[in-house]
N, C-alpha and C. Protein backbone atom coordinates (compact mmCIF):
# COMPACT_ATOMS: atom_id res chain seq x y z
N UNK A 1 120.46 101.99 104.92
CA UNK A 1 119.57 101.61 103.84
C UNK A 1 119.00 102.89 103.22
N UNK A 2 118.94 102.89 101.92
CA UNK A 2 118.50 104.06 101.16
C UNK A 2 117.21 103.75 100.40
N UNK A 3 116.48 104.81 100.10
CA UNK A 3 115.22 104.69 99.35
C UNK A 3 115.43 103.95 98.04
N UNK A 4 116.55 104.23 97.35
CA UNK A 4 116.83 103.61 96.06
C UNK A 4 116.88 102.10 96.10
N UNK A 5 117.15 101.52 97.29
CA UNK A 5 117.21 100.07 97.40
C UNK A 5 115.85 99.41 97.51
N UNK A 6 114.82 100.18 97.81
CA UNK A 6 113.50 99.59 98.05
C UNK A 6 112.38 100.19 97.21
N UNK A 7 112.65 101.26 96.49
CA UNK A 7 111.59 101.94 95.72
C UNK A 7 111.13 101.09 94.54
N UNK A 8 109.95 101.39 94.07
CA UNK A 8 109.42 100.80 92.85
C UNK A 8 109.89 101.68 91.70
N UNK A 9 110.53 101.09 90.72
CA UNK A 9 111.08 101.88 89.61
C UNK A 9 110.10 102.04 88.45
N UNK A 10 109.28 101.04 88.23
CA UNK A 10 108.32 101.09 87.12
C UNK A 10 107.04 101.76 87.65
N UNK A 11 106.99 103.08 87.57
CA UNK A 11 105.93 103.85 88.21
C UNK A 11 104.82 104.17 87.21
N UNK A 12 103.59 103.88 87.62
CA UNK A 12 102.43 104.30 86.84
C UNK A 12 102.27 105.79 87.11
N UNK A 13 102.17 106.58 86.06
CA UNK A 13 102.11 108.03 86.19
C UNK A 13 101.04 108.58 85.28
N UNK A 14 100.73 109.84 85.47
CA UNK A 14 99.70 110.49 84.66
C UNK A 14 100.14 111.94 84.45
N UNK A 15 99.64 112.55 83.39
CA UNK A 15 99.94 113.96 83.13
C UNK A 15 98.79 114.83 83.64
N UNK A 16 99.09 116.08 83.90
CA UNK A 16 98.12 117.00 84.49
C UNK A 16 96.91 117.23 83.57
N UNK A 17 97.09 117.11 82.25
CA UNK A 17 95.98 117.36 81.34
C UNK A 17 95.11 116.12 81.10
N UNK A 18 95.43 115.01 81.75
CA UNK A 18 94.62 113.80 81.62
C UNK A 18 93.28 114.01 82.33
N UNK A 19 92.25 113.35 81.84
CA UNK A 19 90.93 113.42 82.47
C UNK A 19 90.97 112.74 83.83
N UNK A 20 90.22 113.27 84.77
CA UNK A 20 90.12 112.68 86.10
C UNK A 20 89.68 111.22 85.97
N UNK A 21 88.77 110.95 85.07
CA UNK A 21 88.29 109.59 84.88
C UNK A 21 89.42 108.65 84.45
N UNK A 22 90.34 109.16 83.64
CA UNK A 22 91.50 108.36 83.23
C UNK A 22 92.35 107.98 84.43
N UNK A 23 92.60 108.94 85.31
CA UNK A 23 93.38 108.67 86.52
C UNK A 23 92.65 107.66 87.40
N UNK A 24 91.35 107.83 87.56
CA UNK A 24 90.58 106.92 88.40
C UNK A 24 90.63 105.50 87.84
N UNK A 25 90.50 105.37 86.52
CA UNK A 25 90.57 104.04 85.90
C UNK A 25 91.94 103.40 86.10
N UNK A 26 93.01 104.21 85.92
CA UNK A 26 94.36 103.69 86.12
C UNK A 26 94.54 103.16 87.55
N UNK A 27 94.05 103.92 88.51
CA UNK A 27 94.17 103.50 89.91
C UNK A 27 93.42 102.20 90.15
N UNK A 28 92.21 102.11 89.59
CA UNK A 28 91.42 100.89 89.77
C UNK A 28 92.07 99.69 89.09
N UNK A 29 92.51 99.88 87.84
CA UNK A 29 93.11 98.79 87.09
C UNK A 29 94.40 98.29 87.73
N UNK A 30 95.21 99.20 88.23
CA UNK A 30 96.51 98.84 88.79
C UNK A 30 96.46 98.57 90.29
N UNK A 31 95.26 98.75 90.88
CA UNK A 31 95.06 98.53 92.32
C UNK A 31 96.03 99.37 93.15
N UNK A 32 96.08 100.66 92.81
CA UNK A 32 96.90 101.62 93.54
C UNK A 32 96.02 102.79 93.95
N UNK A 33 96.45 103.52 94.96
CA UNK A 33 95.61 104.60 95.48
C UNK A 33 96.12 105.99 95.15
N UNK A 34 97.16 106.08 94.34
CA UNK A 34 97.66 107.39 93.95
C UNK A 34 98.64 107.30 92.81
N UNK A 35 98.77 108.43 92.11
CA UNK A 35 99.65 108.50 90.95
C UNK A 35 100.47 109.78 90.97
N UNK A 36 101.78 109.69 90.69
CA UNK A 36 102.53 110.92 90.49
C UNK A 36 102.05 111.58 89.19
N UNK A 37 102.04 112.90 89.19
CA UNK A 37 101.65 113.66 88.00
C UNK A 37 102.93 114.29 87.46
N UNK A 38 103.19 114.06 86.17
CA UNK A 38 104.43 114.55 85.56
C UNK A 38 104.13 115.45 84.36
N UNK A 39 105.11 116.29 84.03
CA UNK A 39 105.00 117.11 82.83
C UNK A 39 105.60 116.35 81.66
N UNK A 40 105.72 116.99 80.51
CA UNK A 40 106.22 116.32 79.31
C UNK A 40 107.67 115.85 79.45
N UNK A 41 108.43 116.49 80.33
CA UNK A 41 109.83 116.10 80.55
C UNK A 41 109.97 115.01 81.60
N UNK A 42 108.85 114.56 82.18
CA UNK A 42 108.89 113.53 83.21
C UNK A 42 109.17 114.06 84.59
N UNK A 43 109.07 115.39 84.75
CA UNK A 43 109.31 116.00 86.06
C UNK A 43 108.02 116.01 86.87
N UNK A 44 108.15 115.76 88.17
CA UNK A 44 107.00 115.69 89.06
C UNK A 44 106.43 117.09 89.27
N UNK A 45 105.12 117.23 88.99
CA UNK A 45 104.44 118.51 89.21
C UNK A 45 103.31 118.38 90.23
N UNK A 46 103.00 117.13 90.59
CA UNK A 46 101.92 116.92 91.55
C UNK A 46 101.75 115.44 91.84
N UNK A 47 100.73 115.17 92.63
CA UNK A 47 100.34 113.79 92.92
C UNK A 47 98.83 113.79 93.03
N UNK A 48 98.19 112.78 92.48
CA UNK A 48 96.74 112.66 92.56
C UNK A 48 96.42 111.35 93.26
N UNK A 49 95.55 111.43 94.26
CA UNK A 49 95.21 110.27 95.07
C UNK A 49 93.70 110.04 95.06
N UNK A 50 93.31 108.90 95.59
CA UNK A 50 91.88 108.64 95.74
C UNK A 50 91.25 109.76 96.57
N UNK A 51 91.95 110.20 97.57
CA UNK A 51 91.45 111.28 98.42
C UNK A 51 91.19 112.54 97.60
N UNK A 52 92.11 112.87 96.69
CA UNK A 52 91.91 114.05 95.84
C UNK A 52 90.67 113.89 94.96
N UNK A 53 90.48 112.69 94.43
CA UNK A 53 89.32 112.45 93.56
C UNK A 53 88.03 112.56 94.35
N UNK A 54 88.02 112.06 95.57
CA UNK A 54 86.81 112.14 96.40
C UNK A 54 86.58 113.56 96.91
N UNK A 55 87.64 114.24 97.30
CA UNK A 55 87.54 115.58 97.87
C UNK A 55 87.12 116.61 96.82
N UNK A 56 87.60 116.44 95.61
CA UNK A 56 87.34 117.45 94.57
C UNK A 56 86.25 117.02 93.61
N UNK A 57 85.15 116.55 94.15
CA UNK A 57 84.06 116.13 93.28
C UNK A 57 83.37 117.28 92.60
N UNK A 58 83.44 118.44 93.17
CA UNK A 58 82.80 119.62 92.57
C UNK A 58 83.88 120.55 92.03
N UNK A 59 83.54 121.36 91.03
CA UNK A 59 84.54 122.24 90.43
C UNK A 59 85.26 123.14 91.44
N UNK A 60 84.61 123.61 92.48
CA UNK A 60 85.29 124.46 93.46
C UNK A 60 85.90 123.65 94.58
N UNK A 61 85.71 122.33 94.59
CA UNK A 61 86.28 121.47 95.61
C UNK A 61 85.55 121.53 96.94
N UNK A 62 84.46 122.31 97.03
CA UNK A 62 83.74 122.45 98.29
C UNK A 62 82.26 122.24 98.05
N UNK A 63 81.72 121.26 98.72
CA UNK A 63 80.29 121.02 98.66
C UNK A 63 79.81 120.77 100.07
N UNK A 64 78.51 120.88 100.28
CA UNK A 64 77.98 120.62 101.62
C UNK A 64 78.23 119.17 102.02
N UNK A 65 78.06 118.27 101.10
CA UNK A 65 78.43 116.89 101.34
C UNK A 65 79.24 116.46 100.13
N UNK A 66 80.15 115.50 100.30
CA UNK A 66 81.00 115.12 99.17
C UNK A 66 80.18 114.72 97.95
N UNK A 67 80.67 115.13 96.80
CA UNK A 67 79.96 114.85 95.55
C UNK A 67 79.80 113.35 95.33
N UNK A 68 80.84 112.57 95.65
CA UNK A 68 80.76 111.13 95.44
C UNK A 68 79.65 110.53 96.29
N UNK A 69 79.44 111.07 97.49
CA UNK A 69 78.37 110.58 98.35
C UNK A 69 77.01 110.96 97.76
N UNK A 70 76.91 112.18 97.25
CA UNK A 70 75.65 112.60 96.61
C UNK A 70 75.33 111.71 95.42
N UNK A 71 76.35 111.32 94.65
CA UNK A 71 76.11 110.46 93.48
C UNK A 71 75.53 109.11 93.90
N UNK A 72 75.92 108.65 95.07
CA UNK A 72 75.44 107.35 95.54
C UNK A 72 74.03 107.45 96.11
N UNK A 73 73.75 108.48 96.91
CA UNK A 73 72.51 108.51 97.67
C UNK A 73 71.39 109.35 97.05
N UNK A 74 71.72 110.26 96.14
CA UNK A 74 70.67 111.11 95.57
C UNK A 74 70.41 110.74 94.11
N UNK A 75 69.15 110.88 93.69
CA UNK A 75 68.90 110.69 92.25
C UNK A 75 69.59 111.82 91.51
N UNK A 76 70.31 111.46 90.46
CA UNK A 76 71.08 112.48 89.75
C UNK A 76 71.22 112.10 88.29
N UNK A 77 71.67 113.03 87.52
CA UNK A 77 71.91 112.82 86.10
C UNK A 77 73.30 112.21 85.94
N UNK A 78 73.38 110.87 85.95
CA UNK A 78 74.67 110.21 85.89
C UNK A 78 75.40 110.47 84.58
N UNK A 79 74.66 110.63 83.49
CA UNK A 79 75.31 110.92 82.21
C UNK A 79 76.00 112.28 82.28
N UNK A 80 75.34 113.24 82.89
CA UNK A 80 75.94 114.57 83.05
C UNK A 80 77.14 114.53 83.97
N UNK A 81 77.04 113.72 85.02
CA UNK A 81 78.16 113.59 85.96
C UNK A 81 79.35 112.96 85.26
N UNK A 82 79.10 111.93 84.44
CA UNK A 82 80.19 111.28 83.72
C UNK A 82 80.85 112.26 82.76
N UNK A 83 80.06 113.08 82.10
CA UNK A 83 80.63 114.09 81.20
C UNK A 83 81.50 115.06 81.98
N UNK A 84 81.06 115.41 83.18
CA UNK A 84 81.85 116.30 84.03
C UNK A 84 83.18 115.69 84.41
N UNK A 85 83.17 114.38 84.69
CA UNK A 85 84.42 113.70 85.03
C UNK A 85 85.37 113.67 83.83
N UNK A 86 84.83 113.53 82.64
CA UNK A 86 85.67 113.56 81.44
C UNK A 86 86.25 114.95 81.23
N UNK A 87 85.48 115.98 81.57
CA UNK A 87 85.92 117.36 81.34
C UNK A 87 86.95 117.82 82.37
N UNK A 88 86.87 117.34 83.59
CA UNK A 88 87.81 117.75 84.64
C UNK A 88 89.15 117.09 84.41
N UNK A 89 90.21 117.81 84.70
CA UNK A 89 91.55 117.26 84.51
C UNK A 89 92.22 116.96 85.84
N UNK A 90 93.21 116.12 85.76
CA UNK A 90 94.00 115.76 86.93
C UNK A 90 94.61 117.02 87.54
N UNK A 91 95.05 117.94 86.67
CA UNK A 91 95.66 119.18 87.15
C UNK A 91 94.74 119.99 88.04
N UNK A 92 93.44 119.84 87.88
CA UNK A 92 92.48 120.58 88.70
C UNK A 92 92.33 120.00 90.10
N UNK A 93 92.59 118.72 90.26
CA UNK A 93 92.34 118.07 91.54
C UNK A 93 93.60 117.61 92.27
N UNK A 94 94.72 117.58 91.58
CA UNK A 94 95.96 117.04 92.17
C UNK A 94 96.48 117.94 93.28
N UNK A 95 97.32 117.36 94.10
CA UNK A 95 98.08 118.11 95.10
C UNK A 95 99.34 118.58 94.39
N UNK A 96 99.53 119.89 94.36
CA UNK A 96 100.70 120.45 93.67
C UNK A 96 101.93 120.41 94.57
N UNK A 97 103.09 120.40 93.93
CA UNK A 97 104.37 120.42 94.65
C UNK A 97 104.41 119.41 95.80
N UNK A 98 104.26 118.13 95.49
CA UNK A 98 104.26 117.13 96.56
C UNK A 98 105.63 116.99 97.21
N UNK A 99 105.63 116.47 98.40
CA UNK A 99 106.89 116.14 99.08
C UNK A 99 107.53 115.00 98.30
N UNK A 100 108.81 115.14 98.00
CA UNK A 100 109.53 114.10 97.27
C UNK A 100 110.80 113.73 98.04
N UNK A 101 111.38 112.61 97.65
CA UNK A 101 112.66 112.18 98.20
C UNK A 101 113.55 111.77 97.02
N UNK A 102 114.83 111.55 97.30
CA UNK A 102 115.75 111.08 96.27
C UNK A 102 116.12 109.63 96.56
N UNK A 103 116.81 109.03 95.62
CA UNK A 103 117.26 107.64 95.80
C UNK A 103 118.21 107.52 96.99
N UNK A 104 118.94 108.60 97.28
CA UNK A 104 119.93 108.58 98.37
C UNK A 104 119.34 108.90 99.73
N UNK A 105 118.06 109.27 99.77
CA UNK A 105 117.43 109.58 101.05
C UNK A 105 117.44 108.34 101.94
N UNK A 106 117.87 108.51 103.20
CA UNK A 106 117.81 107.35 104.11
C UNK A 106 116.38 106.84 104.25
N UNK A 107 116.25 105.54 104.28
CA UNK A 107 114.93 104.92 104.40
C UNK A 107 114.21 105.41 105.64
N UNK A 108 114.97 105.66 106.70
CA UNK A 108 114.37 106.14 107.95
C UNK A 108 113.68 107.49 107.73
N UNK A 109 114.29 108.36 106.93
CA UNK A 109 113.70 109.67 106.66
C UNK A 109 112.40 109.53 105.86
N UNK A 110 112.42 108.67 104.85
CA UNK A 110 111.19 108.44 104.07
C UNK A 110 110.10 107.87 104.97
N UNK A 111 110.47 106.95 105.83
CA UNK A 111 109.50 106.37 106.77
C UNK A 111 108.93 107.41 107.71
N UNK A 112 109.78 108.31 108.18
CA UNK A 112 109.33 109.38 109.06
C UNK A 112 108.34 110.29 108.34
N UNK A 113 108.66 110.67 107.11
CA UNK A 113 107.75 111.54 106.33
C UNK A 113 106.41 110.85 106.10
N UNK A 114 106.45 109.60 105.72
CA UNK A 114 105.23 108.85 105.45
C UNK A 114 104.39 108.74 106.72
N UNK A 115 105.04 108.43 107.83
CA UNK A 115 104.32 108.25 109.09
C UNK A 115 103.79 109.56 109.64
N UNK A 116 104.66 110.56 109.75
CA UNK A 116 104.26 111.83 110.37
C UNK A 116 103.25 112.60 109.54
N UNK A 117 103.38 112.53 108.23
CA UNK A 117 102.48 113.30 107.35
C UNK A 117 101.27 112.51 106.89
N UNK A 118 101.24 111.22 107.19
CA UNK A 118 100.10 110.40 106.80
C UNK A 118 100.07 110.08 105.32
N UNK A 119 101.23 110.11 104.66
CA UNK A 119 101.29 109.78 103.24
C UNK A 119 101.25 108.27 103.04
N UNK A 120 100.81 107.85 101.87
CA UNK A 120 100.87 106.43 101.51
C UNK A 120 102.06 106.17 100.60
N UNK A 121 102.57 107.25 99.98
CA UNK A 121 103.66 107.10 99.03
C UNK A 121 104.40 108.42 98.88
N UNK A 122 105.65 108.35 98.42
CA UNK A 122 106.43 109.54 98.10
C UNK A 122 107.08 109.34 96.74
N UNK A 123 106.93 110.31 95.83
CA UNK A 123 107.66 110.22 94.57
C UNK A 123 109.17 110.31 94.84
N UNK A 124 109.94 109.54 94.09
CA UNK A 124 111.40 109.57 94.20
C UNK A 124 111.91 110.26 92.93
N UNK A 125 112.72 111.30 93.14
CA UNK A 125 113.17 112.10 92.01
C UNK A 125 114.70 112.14 91.93
N UNK A 126 115.16 112.37 90.72
CA UNK A 126 116.57 112.69 90.46
C UNK A 126 116.52 114.06 89.81
N UNK A 127 116.90 115.08 90.55
CA UNK A 127 116.63 116.44 90.12
C UNK A 127 115.15 116.67 90.36
N UNK A 128 114.39 116.86 89.29
CA UNK A 128 112.93 116.93 89.41
C UNK A 128 112.26 115.77 88.68
N UNK A 129 113.09 114.97 87.98
CA UNK A 129 112.55 113.87 87.17
C UNK A 129 112.17 112.67 88.03
N UNK A 130 110.99 112.13 87.78
CA UNK A 130 110.48 110.97 88.49
C UNK A 130 111.30 109.73 88.10
N UNK A 131 111.86 109.05 89.11
CA UNK A 131 112.61 107.82 88.86
C UNK A 131 112.06 106.63 89.64
N UNK A 132 111.11 106.90 90.54
CA UNK A 132 110.54 105.81 91.32
C UNK A 132 109.51 106.32 92.30
N UNK A 133 109.03 105.40 93.11
CA UNK A 133 108.09 105.76 94.16
C UNK A 133 108.37 104.84 95.35
N UNK A 134 108.30 105.40 96.53
CA UNK A 134 108.46 104.60 97.75
C UNK A 134 107.13 104.64 98.49
N UNK A 135 106.59 103.48 98.74
CA UNK A 135 105.27 103.38 99.36
C UNK A 135 105.38 102.67 100.70
N UNK A 136 104.31 102.74 101.47
CA UNK A 136 104.29 102.07 102.76
C UNK A 136 104.60 100.59 102.60
N UNK A 137 104.11 99.97 101.55
CA UNK A 137 104.39 98.54 101.32
C UNK A 137 105.89 98.30 101.14
N UNK A 138 106.59 99.24 100.51
CA UNK A 138 108.04 99.11 100.36
C UNK A 138 108.73 99.19 101.72
N UNK A 139 108.21 100.03 102.61
CA UNK A 139 108.77 100.13 103.96
C UNK A 139 108.55 98.84 104.74
N UNK A 140 107.39 98.22 104.55
CA UNK A 140 107.11 96.94 105.20
C UNK A 140 108.09 95.88 104.69
N UNK A 141 108.35 95.91 103.39
CA UNK A 141 109.31 94.97 102.81
C UNK A 141 110.70 95.19 103.41
N UNK A 142 111.11 96.44 103.56
CA UNK A 142 112.41 96.76 104.16
C UNK A 142 112.46 96.28 105.61
N UNK A 143 111.36 96.47 106.32
CA UNK A 143 111.29 96.04 107.71
C UNK A 143 111.43 94.53 107.83
N UNK A 144 110.72 93.78 106.99
CA UNK A 144 110.81 92.32 107.05
C UNK A 144 112.21 91.85 106.69
N UNK A 145 112.84 92.53 105.75
CA UNK A 145 114.22 92.17 105.38
C UNK A 145 115.16 92.42 106.56
N UNK A 146 115.00 93.55 107.24
CA UNK A 146 115.84 93.88 108.39
C UNK A 146 115.62 92.88 109.53
N UNK A 147 114.37 92.51 109.77
CA UNK A 147 114.06 91.54 110.82
C UNK A 147 114.68 90.18 110.48
N UNK A 148 114.58 89.79 109.23
CA UNK A 148 115.15 88.51 108.80
C UNK A 148 116.67 88.51 108.97
N UNK A 149 117.32 89.62 108.59
CA UNK A 149 118.78 89.72 108.75
C UNK A 149 119.17 89.67 110.22
N UNK A 150 118.41 90.36 111.06
CA UNK A 150 118.71 90.35 112.51
C UNK A 150 118.54 88.94 113.08
N UNK A 151 117.49 88.25 112.65
CA UNK A 151 117.26 86.88 113.14
C UNK A 151 118.37 85.95 112.67
N UNK A 152 118.81 86.13 111.41
CA UNK A 152 119.90 85.31 110.89
C UNK A 152 121.20 85.59 111.65
N UNK A 153 121.45 86.86 111.95
CA UNK A 153 122.65 87.22 112.71
C UNK A 153 122.59 86.63 114.10
N UNK A 154 121.43 86.68 114.73
CA UNK A 154 121.27 86.11 116.07
C UNK A 154 121.50 84.60 116.02
N UNK A 155 120.99 83.94 114.98
CA UNK A 155 121.17 82.50 114.85
C UNK A 155 122.65 82.17 114.64
N UNK A 156 123.35 82.99 113.84
CA UNK A 156 124.79 82.78 113.64
C UNK A 156 125.53 82.96 114.96
N UNK A 157 125.17 83.99 115.72
CA UNK A 157 125.80 84.22 117.01
C UNK A 157 125.56 83.04 117.95
N UNK A 158 124.33 82.55 117.95
CA UNK A 158 123.99 81.43 118.82
C UNK A 158 124.77 80.18 118.41
N UNK A 159 124.88 79.96 117.11
CA UNK A 159 125.62 78.81 116.61
C UNK A 159 127.11 78.94 116.96
N UNK A 160 127.66 80.14 116.81
CA UNK A 160 129.07 80.36 117.15
C UNK A 160 129.29 80.16 118.64
N UNK A 161 128.38 80.67 119.44
CA UNK A 161 128.49 80.48 120.89
C UNK A 161 128.44 79.00 121.26
N UNK A 162 127.56 78.26 120.62
CA UNK A 162 127.44 76.83 120.90
C UNK A 162 128.74 76.11 120.52
N UNK A 163 129.35 76.49 119.39
CA UNK A 163 130.62 75.86 118.98
C UNK A 163 131.74 76.20 119.97
N UNK A 164 131.76 77.46 120.42
CA UNK A 164 132.78 77.85 121.40
C UNK A 164 132.62 77.08 122.70
N UNK A 165 131.38 76.95 123.15
CA UNK A 165 131.13 76.17 124.38
C UNK A 165 131.58 74.73 124.21
N UNK A 166 131.31 74.17 123.05
CA UNK A 166 131.72 72.78 122.79
C UNK A 166 133.24 72.67 122.78
N UNK A 167 133.93 73.63 122.18
CA UNK A 167 135.40 73.61 122.18
C UNK A 167 135.94 73.72 123.60
N UNK A 168 135.35 74.61 124.41
CA UNK A 168 135.77 74.75 125.80
C UNK A 168 135.54 73.45 126.57
N UNK A 169 134.40 72.81 126.33
CA UNK A 169 134.07 71.54 126.99
C UNK A 169 135.09 70.47 126.60
N UNK A 170 135.41 70.41 125.31
CA UNK A 170 136.37 69.41 124.85
C UNK A 170 137.76 69.69 125.43
N UNK A 171 138.13 70.96 125.52
CA UNK A 171 139.43 71.31 126.10
C UNK A 171 139.48 70.90 127.56
N UNK A 172 138.40 71.13 128.31
CA UNK A 172 138.34 70.73 129.71
C UNK A 172 138.43 69.21 129.85
N UNK A 173 137.71 68.50 128.98
CA UNK A 173 137.76 67.03 129.00
C UNK A 173 139.17 66.54 128.69
N UNK A 174 139.79 67.17 127.72
CA UNK A 174 141.16 66.77 127.32
C UNK A 174 142.12 66.98 128.49
N UNK A 175 141.99 68.13 129.18
CA UNK A 175 142.85 68.41 130.33
C UNK A 175 142.58 67.43 131.48
N UNK A 176 141.31 67.09 131.65
CA UNK A 176 140.95 66.17 132.74
C UNK A 176 141.50 64.77 132.49
N UNK A 177 141.60 64.36 131.24
CA UNK A 177 142.10 63.02 130.90
C UNK A 177 143.62 62.98 130.83
N UNK A 178 144.22 64.09 130.64
CA UNK A 178 145.68 64.13 130.50
C UNK A 178 146.34 63.97 131.88
N UNK A 179 147.40 63.09 131.92
CA UNK A 179 148.11 62.96 133.21
C UNK A 179 148.89 64.24 133.51
N UNK A 180 148.97 64.58 134.76
CA UNK A 180 149.68 65.80 135.14
C UNK A 180 151.06 65.52 135.57
């Protein structure tokens, strides 16, 4: 089984010069936790996730406590904060040069990368151009399909075995009834 058989082809994406707020809205509207970042040619240059948005709340990416937490618990100038979110770009907070896979990558390899590295998704590329995304949910779908196929094969085997046993039983009965 290959990544190309299970990936999502219609990928929500964003460009590096988009406002962080735009990326956050896209994630909320589409109920997804990350977006591939592409250049004008559609080539993957990064990935931006909820984690990136939370981690990079401040321009230097380092605060004593996360900026999002400060926004919730401390009195602050929310209008100024909103302006800051409009001014910051996805390119400032994204993870550059993300791990990618191709359509021909074995599903097992994508699963290993996702599991071992703690990723939720991997961009799927042809060359450097984004053609899809493989997410943990896609792996679950592949797993359920494999389990269903195995169960169907087991049921076919059981049915075939039952027919063979019946044929053997009938042959024995036929021999027992036949005069010698």
